[in-house]
Amino acid sequence: MTIPNADRAIIAEDKLTDYLLNMLHKRGGPKARLLLRFGYRSDNPQALESDLRVQHLSLEVARTHENAYGVVYEIEGPIKTPSARTVRFCSVWQVDTGTDVPRFITMYPR
């Protein structure tokens, strides 16, 4: 199964620029160092957004669970990065209660 309504998924730009691609972020810093090493850039978050949409949202869901806010979907699979290296990541998405559109939460290397 793939994430329902993946074609309408929301990926907030600030989630990318202020968190995943920000080396100064308390929790996102280590992820940023990794992503920047593989060619992603904080001044071009569209590259990471595009790779998540094209390379991850088309993959099968590895795990789901419910939390107080909705249904969480985890996708595990490779992403070919701008540096031409392929790295396995887990991306986390949530469909909030009362909506039918997935929202990007985070990603981390596997």
N, C-alpha and C. Protein backbone atom coordinates (compact mmCIF):
# COMPACT_ATOMS: atom_id res chain seq x y z
N MET A 1 0.83 -1.18 0.00
CA MET A 1 0.00 0.00 0.00
C MET A 1 0.88 1.25 0.00
N THR A 2 0.49 2.23 -0.77
CA THR A 2 1.16 3.52 -0.74
C THR A 2 0.33 4.48 0.12
N ILE A 3 0.91 5.61 0.46
CA ILE A 3 0.19 6.59 1.27
C ILE A 3 -1.00 7.12 0.49
N PRO A 4 -2.18 7.14 1.10
CA PRO A 4 -3.35 7.67 0.39
C PRO A 4 -3.17 9.16 0.06
N ASN A 5 -3.61 9.53 -1.13
CA ASN A 5 -3.55 10.92 -1.59
C ASN A 5 -2.13 11.49 -1.61
N ALA A 6 -1.16 10.64 -1.89
CA ALA A 6 0.24 11.08 -1.93
C ALA A 6 0.46 12.20 -2.94
N ASP A 7 -0.34 12.23 -3.97
CA ASP A 7 -0.19 13.27 -5.00
C ASP A 7 -0.54 14.66 -4.45
N ARG A 8 -1.20 14.71 -3.30
CA ARG A 8 -1.55 16.00 -2.69
C ARG A 8 -0.77 16.27 -1.41
N ALA A 9 0.27 15.50 -1.17
CA ALA A 9 1.04 15.61 0.07
C ALA A 9 1.59 17.02 0.28
N ILE A 10 1.60 17.42 1.55
CA ILE A 10 2.10 18.73 1.94
C ILE A 10 3.50 18.57 2.51
N ILE A 11 4.44 19.31 1.94
CA ILE A 11 5.80 19.36 2.48
C ILE A 11 6.10 20.84 2.74
N ALA A 12 6.03 21.24 4.00
CA ALA A 12 6.24 22.65 4.36
C ALA A 12 7.70 23.03 4.12
N GLU A 13 7.90 24.15 3.42
CA GLU A 13 9.27 24.58 3.11
C GLU A 13 10.07 24.81 4.38
N ASP A 14 9.44 25.37 5.42
CA ASP A 14 10.20 25.62 6.65
C ASP A 14 10.61 24.33 7.35
N LYS A 15 9.90 23.24 7.12
CA LYS A 15 10.32 21.95 7.66
C LYS A 15 11.66 21.55 7.05
N LEU A 16 11.86 21.91 5.79
CA LEU A 16 13.11 21.61 5.10
C LEU A 16 14.20 22.62 5.48
N THR A 17 13.90 23.92 5.34
CA THR A 17 14.93 24.94 5.54
C THR A 17 15.28 25.18 7.00
N ASP A 18 14.29 25.18 7.88
CA ASP A 18 14.55 25.49 9.29
C ASP A 18 14.91 24.27 10.12
N TYR A 19 14.66 23.09 9.59
CA TYR A 19 14.89 21.87 10.37
C TYR A 19 15.88 20.92 9.68
N LEU A 20 15.47 20.31 8.58
CA LEU A 20 16.30 19.27 7.97
C LEU A 20 17.57 19.77 7.30
N LEU A 21 17.57 21.01 6.84
CA LEU A 21 18.76 21.54 6.16
C LEU A 21 19.44 22.64 6.98
N ASN A 22 19.15 22.67 8.29
CA ASN A 22 19.70 23.69 9.17
C ASN A 22 20.67 23.04 10.16
N MET A 23 21.96 23.23 9.93
CA MET A 23 22.97 22.61 10.79
C MET A 23 22.93 23.13 12.22
N LEU A 24 22.30 24.29 12.45
CA LEU A 24 22.24 24.86 13.79
C LEU A 24 21.03 24.40 14.59
N HIS A 25 20.13 23.66 13.94
CA HIS A 25 18.94 23.19 14.64
C HIS A 25 19.34 22.11 15.64
N LYS A 26 18.79 22.19 16.85
CA LYS A 26 19.16 21.27 17.93
C LYS A 26 18.97 19.81 17.54
N ARG A 27 17.82 19.47 16.98
CA ARG A 27 17.55 18.08 16.60
C ARG A 27 17.82 17.80 15.13
N GLY A 28 17.71 18.81 14.29
CA GLY A 28 17.88 18.61 12.86
C GLY A 28 19.32 18.72 12.38
N GLY A 29 20.20 19.28 13.23
CA GLY A 29 21.59 19.50 12.82
C GLY A 29 22.29 18.28 12.28
N PRO A 30 22.24 17.14 12.98
CA PRO A 30 22.91 15.94 12.44
C PRO A 30 22.32 15.49 11.09
N LYS A 31 21.00 15.62 10.94
CA LYS A 31 20.37 15.28 9.66
C LYS A 31 20.84 16.24 8.58
N ALA A 32 20.95 17.53 8.93
CA ALA A 32 21.40 18.53 7.97
C ALA A 32 22.82 18.24 7.50
N ARG A 33 23.71 17.90 8.43
CA ARG A 33 25.09 17.59 8.03
C ARG A 33 25.13 16.44 7.03
N LEU A 34 24.31 15.43 7.27
CA LEU A 34 24.26 14.29 6.35
C LEU A 34 23.69 14.72 4.99
N LEU A 35 22.56 15.40 5.01
CA LEU A 35 21.93 15.81 3.75
C LEU A 35 22.81 16.77 2.95
N LEU A 36 23.48 17.69 3.63
CA LEU A 36 24.37 18.63 2.94
C LEU A 36 25.57 17.89 2.35
N ARG A 37 26.05 16.87 3.04
CA ARG A 37 27.17 16.07 2.54
C ARG A 37 26.80 15.35 1.24
N PHE A 38 25.51 15.03 1.08
CA PHE A 38 25.06 14.33 -0.12
C PHE A 38 24.54 15.28 -1.20
N GLY A 39 24.83 16.58 -1.06
CA GLY A 39 24.55 17.52 -2.13
C GLY A 39 23.30 18.36 -2.00
N TYR A 40 22.49 18.14 -0.97
CA TYR A 40 21.34 19.02 -0.77
C TYR A 40 21.84 20.33 -0.20
N ARG A 41 21.08 21.41 -0.47
CA ARG A 41 21.52 22.74 -0.03
C ARG A 41 20.36 23.49 0.61
N SER A 42 20.68 24.25 1.64
CA SER A 42 19.64 25.00 2.34
C SER A 42 19.05 26.10 1.47
N ASP A 43 19.80 26.56 0.47
CA ASP A 43 19.26 27.59 -0.43
C ASP A 43 18.50 26.98 -1.62
N ASN A 44 18.36 25.66 -1.64
CA ASN A 44 17.60 24.98 -2.68
C ASN A 44 16.81 23.82 -2.07
N PRO A 45 15.87 24.12 -1.16
CA PRO A 45 15.11 23.03 -0.53
C PRO A 45 14.22 22.29 -1.52
N GLN A 46 13.99 22.89 -2.68
CA GLN A 46 13.14 22.26 -3.69
C GLN A 46 13.72 20.94 -4.17
N ALA A 47 15.04 20.80 -4.15
CA ALA A 47 15.66 19.53 -4.59
C ALA A 47 15.28 18.40 -3.64
N LEU A 48 15.35 18.66 -2.34
CA LEU A 48 14.96 17.64 -1.37
C LEU A 48 13.46 17.37 -1.45
N GLU A 49 12.67 18.41 -1.59
CA GLU A 49 11.22 18.22 -1.72
C GLU A 49 10.89 17.36 -2.93
N SER A 50 11.50 17.66 -4.05
CA SER A 50 11.26 16.90 -5.27
C SER A 50 11.66 15.44 -5.10
N ASP A 51 12.82 15.19 -4.49
CA ASP A 51 13.26 13.81 -4.30
C ASP A 51 12.33 13.04 -3.37
N LEU A 52 11.83 13.70 -2.34
CA LEU A 52 10.86 13.04 -1.46
C LEU A 52 9.59 12.69 -2.23
N ARG A 53 9.10 13.63 -3.02
CA ARG A 53 7.87 13.40 -3.77
C ARG A 53 8.04 12.31 -4.83
N VAL A 54 9.10 12.39 -5.59
CA VAL A 54 9.28 11.48 -6.72
C VAL A 54 9.81 10.12 -6.28
N GLN A 55 10.78 10.13 -5.38
CA GLN A 55 11.45 8.87 -5.04
C GLN A 55 10.86 8.15 -3.83
N HIS A 56 10.19 8.86 -2.93
CA HIS A 56 9.68 8.19 -1.72
C HIS A 56 8.18 8.00 -1.73
N LEU A 57 7.44 8.99 -2.12
CA LEU A 57 5.98 8.88 -2.03
C LEU A 57 5.40 7.81 -2.94
N SER A 58 6.16 7.34 -3.89
CA SER A 58 5.69 6.27 -4.77
C SER A 58 5.97 4.88 -4.20
N LEU A 59 6.73 4.81 -3.11
CA LEU A 59 7.10 3.52 -2.50
C LEU A 59 6.00 3.01 -1.58
N GLU A 60 6.08 1.72 -1.30
CA GLU A 60 5.14 1.09 -0.37
C GLU A 60 5.41 1.55 1.06
N VAL A 61 4.36 1.66 1.84
CA VAL A 61 4.47 2.01 3.25
C VAL A 61 5.07 0.83 4.02
N ALA A 62 6.06 1.11 4.86
CA ALA A 62 6.70 0.05 5.66
C ALA A 62 5.94 -0.19 6.96
N ARG A 63 5.45 0.88 7.58
CA ARG A 63 4.75 0.78 8.87
C ARG A 63 3.72 1.89 8.98
N THR A 64 2.67 1.60 9.75
CA THR A 64 1.69 2.63 10.09
C THR A 64 1.35 2.48 11.57
N HIS A 65 0.95 3.59 12.16
CA HIS A 65 0.40 3.55 13.51
C HIS A 65 -0.44 4.80 13.72
N GLU A 66 -1.27 4.75 14.70
CA GLU A 66 -2.09 5.90 15.03
C GLU A 66 -1.53 6.59 16.26
N ASN A 67 -1.65 7.93 16.26
CA ASN A 67 -1.30 8.68 17.45
C ASN A 67 -2.48 9.61 17.77
N ALA A 68 -2.31 10.51 18.69
CA ALA A 68 -3.40 11.40 19.11
C ALA A 68 -3.84 12.35 18.00
N TYR A 69 -3.04 12.49 16.95
CA TYR A 69 -3.31 13.48 15.90
C TYR A 69 -3.77 12.89 14.58
N GLY A 70 -3.59 11.59 14.41
CA GLY A 70 -3.99 10.96 13.15
C GLY A 70 -3.25 9.67 12.90
N VAL A 71 -3.07 9.34 11.61
CA VAL A 71 -2.40 8.11 11.20
C VAL A 71 -1.01 8.47 10.66
N VAL A 72 -0.01 7.78 11.17
CA VAL A 72 1.38 8.00 10.77
C VAL A 72 1.81 6.89 9.82
N TYR A 73 2.47 7.29 8.73
CA TYR A 73 2.97 6.35 7.73
C TYR A 73 4.48 6.51 7.64
N GLU A 74 5.18 5.40 7.61
CA GLU A 74 6.63 5.41 7.45
C GLU A 74 6.99 4.69 6.16
N ILE A 75 7.83 5.34 5.38
CA ILE A 75 8.31 4.78 4.11
C ILE A 75 9.82 4.60 4.23
N GLU A 76 10.31 3.43 3.91
CA GLU A 76 11.75 3.18 3.89
C GLU A 76 12.17 2.85 2.48
N GLY A 77 13.22 3.51 2.03
CA GLY A 77 13.72 3.21 0.70
C GLY A 77 14.85 4.13 0.31
N PRO A 78 15.43 3.84 -0.84
CA PRO A 78 16.57 4.61 -1.30
C PRO A 78 16.16 5.96 -1.90
N ILE A 79 17.06 6.91 -1.76
CA ILE A 79 16.93 8.19 -2.47
C ILE A 79 18.26 8.43 -3.17
N LYS A 80 18.19 8.67 -4.47
CA LYS A 80 19.39 9.05 -5.21
C LYS A 80 19.57 10.54 -4.98
N THR A 81 20.66 10.90 -4.33
CA THR A 81 20.90 12.27 -3.90
C THR A 81 21.55 13.10 -5.02
N PRO A 82 21.62 14.42 -4.85
CA PRO A 82 22.28 15.25 -5.86
C PRO A 82 23.74 14.89 -6.11
N SER A 83 24.38 14.25 -5.13
CA SER A 83 25.78 13.85 -5.32
C SER A 83 25.88 12.52 -6.08
N ALA A 84 24.74 12.01 -6.55
CA ALA A 84 24.65 10.76 -7.31
C ALA A 84 24.84 9.52 -6.43
N ARG A 85 24.91 9.69 -5.12
CA ARG A 85 24.97 8.55 -4.22
C ARG A 85 23.55 8.16 -3.82
N THR A 86 23.34 6.90 -3.61
CA THR A 86 22.04 6.40 -3.18
C THR A 86 22.12 6.08 -1.69
N VAL A 87 21.20 6.68 -0.93
CA VAL A 87 21.18 6.51 0.51
C VAL A 87 19.78 6.06 0.92
N ARG A 88 19.72 5.13 1.85
CA ARG A 88 18.43 4.62 2.33
C ARG A 88 17.93 5.53 3.46
N PHE A 89 16.71 6.01 3.31
CA PHE A 89 16.08 6.88 4.29
C PHE A 89 14.73 6.33 4.70
N CYS A 90 14.28 6.76 5.88
CA CYS A 90 12.91 6.56 6.31
C CYS A 90 12.27 7.94 6.31
N SER A 91 11.16 8.10 5.61
CA SER A 91 10.41 9.35 5.67
C SER A 91 9.11 9.08 6.43
N VAL A 92 8.69 10.06 7.22
CA VAL A 92 7.52 9.92 8.08
C VAL A 92 6.48 10.95 7.66
N TRP A 93 5.26 10.47 7.50
CA TRP A 93 4.14 11.29 7.02
C TRP A 93 2.96 11.07 7.94
N GLN A 94 2.11 12.07 8.03
CA GLN A 94 0.93 11.92 8.88
C GLN A 94 -0.30 12.47 8.18
N VAL A 95 -1.39 11.73 8.27
CA VAL A 95 -2.70 12.21 7.82
C VAL A 95 -3.45 12.58 9.10
N ASP A 96 -3.61 13.87 9.31
CA ASP A 96 -4.24 14.35 10.52
C ASP A 96 -5.72 13.96 10.55
N THR A 97 -6.22 13.71 11.74
CA THR A 97 -7.64 13.39 11.94
C THR A 97 -8.49 14.50 11.32
N GLY A 98 -9.48 14.10 10.55
CA GLY A 98 -10.38 15.06 9.91
C GLY A 98 -9.91 15.54 8.56
N THR A 99 -8.73 15.08 8.12
CA THR A 99 -8.23 15.43 6.79
C THR A 99 -7.95 14.15 6.01
N ASP A 100 -7.63 14.30 4.74
CA ASP A 100 -7.26 13.13 3.94
C ASP A 100 -5.96 13.38 3.18
N VAL A 101 -5.21 14.41 3.62
CA VAL A 101 -3.98 14.79 2.93
C VAL A 101 -2.78 14.49 3.83
N PRO A 102 -1.79 13.74 3.32
CA PRO A 102 -0.60 13.47 4.11
C PRO A 102 0.27 14.71 4.27
N ARG A 103 0.90 14.79 5.41
CA ARG A 103 1.79 15.91 5.74
C ARG A 103 3.14 15.33 6.13
N PHE A 104 4.22 15.89 5.56
CA PHE A 104 5.57 15.43 5.85
C PHE A 104 5.95 15.82 7.27
N ILE A 105 6.49 14.85 8.03
CA ILE A 105 6.91 15.09 9.40
C ILE A 105 8.44 15.17 9.52
N THR A 106 9.13 14.14 9.06
CA THR A 106 10.58 14.11 9.15
C THR A 106 11.15 13.00 8.27
N MET A 107 12.46 12.92 8.26
CA MET A 107 13.15 11.82 7.60
C MET A 107 14.46 11.57 8.36
N TYR A 108 14.96 10.37 8.22
CA TYR A 108 16.23 10.04 8.85
C TYR A 108 16.86 8.88 8.08
N PRO A 109 18.19 8.74 8.18
CA PRO A 109 18.86 7.66 7.45
C PRO A 109 18.58 6.31 8.08
N ARG A 110 18.58 5.27 7.26
CA ARG A 110 18.38 3.90 7.73
C ARG A 110 19.63 3.16 7.49
